Amino acid sequence: MEIISSNHGCYFDVYQRSYPPEFHGYAGHTETHVQLADEVSRGVLSEICFQGVRIHYGQFQTLESDTIRTTEDFPSVEMAFQLQGRTSGQSSALSGLAPNQHNLSYRPYADSQSRFEVGDHHYVGIQLTETFFSRFTEDDSPAMGRLLNGLAQKEAVALSRHNLTITPALQTQLIALTQVSRSQPLKRLYLEAAALDLLRQQIDQVDRNQSKTKTTLSSNDIDKILAIKDLLEHNPLDTYSLLQLARFGGLNDYKLKKGFREVIGNTVFGYLNDLRMQYAHQLLRDTDGTIGEVATKLGYSETHHFSAAFKRKFGYLPSQIAR
């Protein structure tokens, strides 16, 4: 089993590594981190491997558009989450991901090209071998039918024909997954459980989307709700009223409340609160801002109120974030 990633027209390898079959042979798990420091990119790529599973994630900045070619000589199921940045390109199942999108695909082989646009990127990928994946799949899920047929026919296929939006619950778990301490007891068990729960959430999300065969919303109404969602995502710290948002989207407030929950799966202000907490988490993780400064930025007059809300959201205090 081998993975090779290269750029600049394959002039040099960004990443090359060989693995034992099924990722066997590792005592518990193995963890590696690679620093990127060339004329194109700056950042860190990380990888954790254990039997049947390869978790890889990265945070980096591209100084100019960069195309990466990746080849793999073994079949796998790949869970792909794009938290920040945009990729496009050619692959056997997926054509790229926009910010805050995810999907899952089966690849009997991999020979793909991905173009990374200029800017900051943050992604998480979870690669499962066929043997590992087959232990936890059943054909009673509508979303699994296409994927399992692809496995049986050895044909590349994606779980969803259209990329999915990363929900706040997914984002919370992805962030936690990439911040697990090296010394955490039973780390491998935690990582395996987290990977399987992310898989479950992906499948459940597709099933829910496919089950919405009837809706009171027109396609025009859905577009308006998505425009409001986009406004909140780009300006999460602004102050909004329901009436203001309804007028922005050209909807009445009843249709906005009902439709937003139907399309997004959360209330308007529940979703906005999730966005603000995710922004706070990013500030605490990536900047030198104090907890008090971040709390003030989010509109909290008391730091302990912010800390309590943060813990309700993420399950741990803001002071426990590793910088």
Protein backbone atom coordinates (compact mmCIF):
# COMPACT_ATOMS: atom_id res chain seq x y z
CA MET A 1 0.00 0.00 0.00
CA GLU A 2 1.50 3.30 -1.08
CA ILE A 3 0.40 6.94 -1.34
CA ILE A 4 2.31 9.49 -3.42
CA SER A 5 1.39 13.18 -3.62
CA SER A 6 3.37 15.55 -5.82
CA ASN A 7 3.07 19.05 -7.23
CA HIS A 8 4.72 21.41 -9.71
CA GLY A 9 4.05 19.02 -12.56
CA CYS A 10 5.34 16.13 -10.43
CA TYR A 11 8.81 17.68 -10.16
CA PHE A 12 9.02 16.75 -6.51
CA ASP A 13 7.06 14.74 -3.95
CA VAL A 14 5.08 16.56 -1.30
CA TYR A 15 4.33 13.27 0.39
CA GLN A 16 5.28 9.63 -0.18
CA ARG A 17 4.72 6.77 2.20
CA SER A 18 4.31 3.01 2.12
CA TYR A 19 2.00 1.16 4.51
CA PRO A 20 1.57 -2.47 5.52
CA PRO A 21 -1.61 -4.19 4.25
CA GLU A 22 -4.73 -2.90 6.04
CA PHE A 23 -2.41 -0.58 7.98
CA HIS A 24 -1.45 -3.63 10.06
CA GLY A 25 1.79 -3.72 12.00
CA TYR A 26 1.36 -0.61 14.11
CA ALA A 27 1.49 -0.89 17.88
CA GLY A 28 -1.71 0.91 18.86
CA HIS A 29 -1.35 3.78 16.42
CA THR A 30 1.35 5.83 14.72
CA GLU A 31 1.32 9.60 14.35
CA THR A 32 3.36 11.83 12.04
CA HIS A 33 3.48 15.56 11.27
CA VAL A 34 5.03 17.14 8.18
CA GLN A 35 5.97 20.82 7.98
CA LEU A 36 5.29 22.58 4.67
CA ALA A 37 7.76 25.38 4.03
CA ASP A 38 8.38 25.92 0.34
CA GLU A 39 7.73 28.70 -2.15
CA VAL A 40 4.10 27.63 -2.56
CA SER A 41 2.76 26.64 0.86
CA ARG A 42 3.26 27.03 4.60
CA GLY A 43 1.68 24.89 7.29
CA VAL A 44 1.41 21.40 8.76
CA LEU A 45 0.07 18.09 7.47
CA SER A 46 -0.70 15.43 10.07
CA GLU A 47 -1.50 11.74 9.91
CA ILE A 48 -2.65 9.08 12.38
CA CYS A 49 -2.78 5.43 11.34
CA PHE A 50 -4.08 2.31 13.01
CA GLN A 51 -5.58 -0.95 11.81
CA GLY A 52 -7.92 -0.25 8.90
CA VAL A 53 -7.93 3.54 9.34
CA ARG A 54 -5.83 6.50 8.21
CA ILE A 55 -6.81 9.92 9.57
CA HIS A 56 -5.09 12.81 7.81
CA TYR A 57 -5.64 16.51 8.27
CA GLY A 58 -3.91 19.76 7.51
CA GLN A 59 -3.87 23.48 8.13
CA PHE A 60 -1.82 25.44 5.66
CA GLN A 61 -1.67 28.53 3.51
CA THR A 62 -1.07 28.48 -0.22
CA LEU A 63 0.80 31.51 -1.51
CA GLU A 64 -0.18 30.73 -5.10
CA SER A 65 -2.60 28.28 -6.68
CA ASP A 66 -1.18 24.79 -6.45
CA THR A 67 -2.14 21.51 -8.09
CA ILE A 68 -1.45 18.28 -6.23
CA ARG A 69 -1.53 14.89 -7.94
CA THR A 70 -2.20 11.90 -5.69
CA THR A 71 -1.87 8.23 -6.59
CA GLU A 72 -2.80 5.28 -4.38
CA ASP A 73 -2.40 1.61 -5.21
CA PHE A 74 -5.15 0.29 -2.93
CA PRO A 75 -8.96 0.67 -2.73
CA SER A 76 -10.50 2.65 0.11
CA VAL A 77 -13.47 4.63 1.37
CA GLU A 78 -12.59 8.30 1.90
CA MET A 79 -14.50 10.68 4.17
CA ALA A 80 -13.58 14.22 3.09
CA PHE A 81 -14.30 17.40 5.08
CA GLN A 82 -13.28 20.86 3.83
CA LEU A 83 -13.48 23.25 6.78
CA GLN A 84 -11.71 26.16 5.09
CA GLY A 85 -10.45 26.87 1.59
CA ARG A 86 -11.58 25.58 -1.78
CA THR A 87 -10.37 22.66 -3.87
CA SER A 88 -11.28 21.68 -7.40
CA GLY A 89 -9.99 19.10 -9.80
CA GLN A 90 -10.41 15.67 -11.25
CA SER A 91 -10.82 12.45 -9.31
CA SER A 92 -12.48 9.09 -9.62
CA ALA A 93 -15.53 10.16 -7.57
CA LEU A 94 -15.38 13.78 -6.33
CA SER A 95 -14.66 16.93 -8.32
CA GLY A 96 -13.77 19.16 -5.38
CA LEU A 97 -15.08 20.75 -2.21
CA ALA A 98 -16.03 24.31 -1.32
CA PRO A 99 -15.56 25.70 2.20
CA ASN A 100 -17.78 24.00 4.80
CA GLN A 101 -18.58 21.03 2.54
CA HIS A 102 -18.10 17.29 2.92
CA ASN A 103 -18.77 14.01 1.13
CA LEU A 104 -17.77 10.37 1.19
CA SER A 105 -16.59 8.25 -1.71
CA TYR A 106 -15.41 4.77 -2.58
CA ARG A 107 -12.28 4.61 -4.73
CA PRO A 108 -11.10 1.29 -6.16
CA TYR A 109 -7.94 3.21 -7.04
CA ALA A 110 -6.84 6.84 -6.83
CA ASP A 111 -5.16 8.92 -9.48
CA SER A 112 -6.49 12.40 -8.91
CA GLN A 113 -5.53 16.03 -9.29
CA SER A 114 -6.68 18.69 -6.83
CA ARG A 115 -6.20 22.40 -7.29
CA PHE A 116 -5.84 24.45 -4.11
CA GLU A 117 -6.73 28.11 -4.48
CA VAL A 118 -4.64 30.87 -2.87
CA GLY A 119 -5.43 31.33 0.83
CA ASP A 120 -5.94 29.40 4.04
CA HIS A 121 -6.94 25.75 3.99
CA HIS A 122 -8.15 23.42 6.72
CA TYR A 123 -9.28 19.90 5.87
CA VAL A 124 -9.84 16.52 7.51
CA GLY A 125 -9.81 13.21 5.66
CA ILE A 126 -10.55 9.76 7.06
CA GLN A 127 -9.54 6.82 4.91
CA LEU A 128 -11.04 3.39 5.65
CA THR A 129 -9.89 0.16 4.06
CA GLU A 130 -12.54 -2.01 2.40
CA THR A 131 -12.16 -4.64 5.12
CA PHE A 132 -12.64 -2.14 7.93
CA PHE A 133 -15.57 -0.41 6.22
CA SER A 134 -17.43 -3.65 5.50
CA ARG A 135 -17.54 -4.47 9.23
CA PHE A 136 -19.82 -1.54 9.97
CA THR A 137 -22.12 -1.23 6.95
CA GLU A 138 -25.63 -2.51 6.46
CA ASP A 139 -27.79 -2.17 3.38
CA ASP A 140 -30.90 -0.88 5.24
CA SER A 141 -29.80 2.74 4.78
CA PRO A 142 -31.04 4.29 1.51
CA ALA A 143 -27.86 6.35 1.27
CA MET A 144 -25.71 3.23 1.38
CA GLY A 145 -27.27 1.50 -1.61
CA ARG A 146 -25.29 3.40 -4.24
CA LEU A 147 -22.06 3.15 -2.29
CA LEU A 148 -22.35 -0.57 -1.61
CA ASN A 149 -23.16 -1.19 -5.26
CA GLY A 150 -19.97 0.67 -6.18
CA LEU A 151 -17.97 -1.54 -3.82
CA ALA A 152 -19.51 -4.67 -5.33
CA GLN A 153 -18.80 -3.51 -8.89
CA LYS A 154 -15.40 -1.99 -8.04
CA GLU A 155 -16.56 1.34 -9.46
CA ALA A 156 -15.79 4.77 -8.02
CA VAL A 157 -18.86 6.37 -6.49
CA ALA A 158 -19.76 9.16 -4.04
CA LEU A 159 -22.22 8.77 -1.18
CA SER A 160 -24.07 11.91 -2.31
CA ARG A 161 -24.28 13.25 -5.85
CA HIS A 162 -24.02 16.75 -4.39
CA ASN A 163 -21.60 17.82 -1.67
CA LEU A 164 -23.13 18.27 1.77
CA THR A 165 -22.88 21.15 4.22
CA ILE A 166 -20.76 20.52 7.32
CA THR A 167 -23.21 20.81 10.21
CA PRO A 168 -22.23 22.43 13.52
CA ALA A 169 -22.22 18.96 15.12
CA LEU A 170 -19.81 17.67 12.48
CA GLN A 171 -17.56 20.70 12.82
CA THR A 172 -17.39 20.34 16.59
CA GLN A 173 -16.36 16.70 16.32
CA LEU A 174 -13.84 17.36 13.56
CA ILE A 175 -12.12 20.07 15.60
CA ALA A 176 -12.01 17.78 18.64
CA LEU A 177 -10.59 14.95 16.52
CA THR A 178 -7.64 17.06 15.36
CA GLN A 179 -6.85 18.29 18.87
CA VAL A 180 -6.61 14.99 20.73
CA SER A 181 -3.53 14.96 22.94
CA ARG A 182 -0.77 12.55 22.00
CA SER A 183 -0.78 11.25 25.57
CA GLN A 184 -4.55 10.81 25.93
CA PRO A 185 -5.31 7.38 27.43
CA LEU A 186 -6.99 4.92 25.05
CA LYS A 187 -6.40 7.36 22.20
CA ARG A 188 -6.84 4.75 19.49
CA LEU A 189 -10.24 3.69 20.85
CA TYR A 190 -11.33 7.32 20.96
CA LEU A 191 -10.17 7.95 17.38
CA GLU A 192 -11.91 4.83 16.04
CA ALA A 193 -15.15 5.72 17.80
CA ALA A 194 -14.94 9.31 16.53
CA ALA A 195 -14.32 8.16 12.95
CA LEU A 196 -17.32 5.83 13.06
CA ASP A 197 -19.55 8.52 14.53
CA LEU A 198 -18.54 10.92 11.76
CA LEU A 199 -19.38 8.18 9.25
CA ARG A 200 -22.79 7.73 10.90
CA GLN A 201 -23.47 11.46 10.75
CA GLN A 202 -22.57 11.61 7.06
CA ILE A 203 -24.90 8.73 6.22
CA ASP A 204 -27.72 10.11 8.39
CA GLN A 205 -27.44 13.51 6.71
CA VAL A 206 -27.80 11.99 3.24
CA ASP A 207 -30.74 9.85 4.39
CA ARG A 208 -32.49 12.92 5.81
CA ASN A 209 -31.94 14.87 2.60
CA GLN A 210 -33.27 12.04 0.47
CA SER A 211 -36.34 11.57 2.69
CA LYS A 212 -37.48 15.16 2.12
CA THR A 213 -39.54 14.27 -0.92
CA LYS A 214 -42.29 16.72 0.07
CA THR A 215 -41.78 20.29 1.19
CA THR A 216 -43.89 23.40 1.58
CA LEU A 217 -41.03 25.46 0.16
CA SER A 218 -40.52 26.36 -3.47
CA SER A 219 -37.05 26.25 -4.99
CA ASN A 220 -37.10 30.06 -4.91
CA ASP A 221 -37.87 30.02 -1.16
CA ILE A 222 -35.01 27.57 -0.56
CA ASP A 223 -32.62 29.85 -2.46
CA LYS A 224 -33.71 32.77 -0.25
CA ILE A 225 -33.10 30.75 2.92
CA LEU A 226 -29.67 29.72 1.67
CA ALA A 227 -28.90 33.39 0.97
CA ILE A 228 -29.79 34.22 4.59
CA LYS A 229 -27.61 31.33 5.78
CA ASP A 230 -24.76 32.71 3.66
CA LEU A 231 -25.24 36.17 5.20
CA LEU A 232 -24.99 34.73 8.73
CA GLU A 233 -21.89 32.71 7.86
CA HIS A 234 -20.06 35.71 6.43
CA ASN A 235 -21.08 38.11 9.22
CA PRO A 236 -21.66 36.02 12.36
CA LEU A 237 -20.88 38.85 14.80
CA ASP A 238 -23.45 41.28 13.42
CA THR A 239 -26.71 41.88 15.31
CA TYR A 240 -29.85 40.59 13.61
CA SER A 241 -33.58 40.48 14.20
CA LEU A 242 -35.84 37.88 12.64
CA LEU A 243 -37.76 40.62 10.83
CA GLN A 244 -34.54 42.10 9.43
CA LEU A 245 -33.42 38.72 8.11
CA ALA A 246 -36.86 37.99 6.66
CA ARG A 247 -36.82 41.29 4.79
CA PHE A 248 -33.30 40.63 3.54
CA GLY A 249 -34.41 37.32 2.07
CA GLY A 250 -37.78 38.50 0.82
CA LEU A 251 -39.73 36.14 3.10
CA ASN A 252 -42.23 36.61 5.89
CA ASP A 253 -40.98 35.78 9.37
CA TYR A 254 -43.15 32.65 9.70
CA LYS A 255 -41.83 31.14 6.48
CA LEU A 256 -38.27 32.02 7.50
CA LYS A 257 -38.59 30.34 10.92
CA LYS A 258 -40.26 27.22 9.55
CA GLY A 259 -38.24 27.02 6.36
CA PHE A 260 -34.85 27.64 7.96
CA ARG A 261 -35.33 24.71 10.34
CA GLU A 262 -36.56 22.52 7.48
CA VAL A 263 -33.64 23.32 5.17
CA ILE A 264 -30.77 23.84 7.64
CA GLY A 265 -31.89 21.61 10.51
CA ASN A 266 -31.62 24.32 13.16
CA THR A 267 -33.36 27.53 14.20
CA VAL A 268 -32.08 30.80 12.79
CA PHE A 269 -30.56 31.95 16.06
CA GLY A 270 -29.46 28.47 17.10
CA TYR A 271 -27.44 28.30 13.89
CA LEU A 272 -26.09 31.83 14.44
CA ASN A 273 -24.99 30.91 17.97
CA ASP A 274 -23.18 27.83 16.62
CA LEU A 275 -21.37 30.02 14.08
CA ARG A 276 -20.29 32.46 16.77
CA MET A 277 -18.97 29.69 19.00
CA GLN A 278 -17.05 28.17 16.10
CA TYR A 279 -15.56 31.60 15.39
CA ALA A 280 -14.60 31.95 19.05
CA HIS A 281 -12.95 28.53 18.97
CA GLN A 282 -10.95 29.54 15.90
CA LEU A 283 -9.80 32.79 17.53
CA LEU A 284 -8.69 31.01 20.70
CA ARG A 285 -6.88 28.33 18.71
CA ASP A 286 -5.21 30.44 16.05
CA THR A 287 -4.57 33.87 17.62
CA ASP A 288 -3.07 35.33 20.78
CA GLY A 289 -6.39 36.80 21.92
CA THR A 290 -7.31 36.20 25.55
CA ILE A 291 -10.53 34.53 26.63
CA GLY A 292 -11.80 37.89 27.88
CA GLU A 293 -11.04 39.58 24.56
CA VAL A 294 -12.81 36.85 22.60
CA ALA A 295 -15.80 36.97 24.97
CA THR A 296 -16.08 40.73 24.44
CA LYS A 297 -15.85 40.32 20.66
CA LEU A 298 -18.82 37.94 20.82
CA GLY A 299 -20.83 40.40 22.89
CA TYR A 300 -20.46 38.85 26.34
CA SER A 301 -20.09 41.31 29.21
CA GLU A 302 -18.98 38.56 31.61
CA THR A 303 -16.20 36.12 30.74
CA HIS A 304 -17.66 33.34 32.88
CA HIS A 305 -20.93 33.49 30.94
CA PHE A 306 -18.97 33.01 27.72
CA SER A 307 -16.96 30.15 29.24
CA ALA A 308 -20.16 28.40 30.34
CA ALA A 309 -21.71 28.76 26.87
CA PHE A 310 -18.48 27.55 25.26
CA LYS A 311 -18.44 24.45 27.46
CA ARG A 312 -22.08 23.68 26.66
CA LYS A 313 -21.18 23.79 22.98
CA PHE A 314 -17.85 21.94 22.90
CA GLY A 315 -17.80 19.97 26.15
CA TYR A 316 -14.67 21.66 27.52
CA LEU A 317 -13.62 25.10 28.72
CA PRO A 318 -11.96 27.66 26.41
CA SER A 319 -8.90 27.56 28.67
CA GLN A 320 -8.35 23.93 27.63
CA ILE A 321 -7.74 24.73 23.95
CA ALA A 322 -4.20 23.88 22.87
CA ARG A 323 -2.42 26.76 21.10
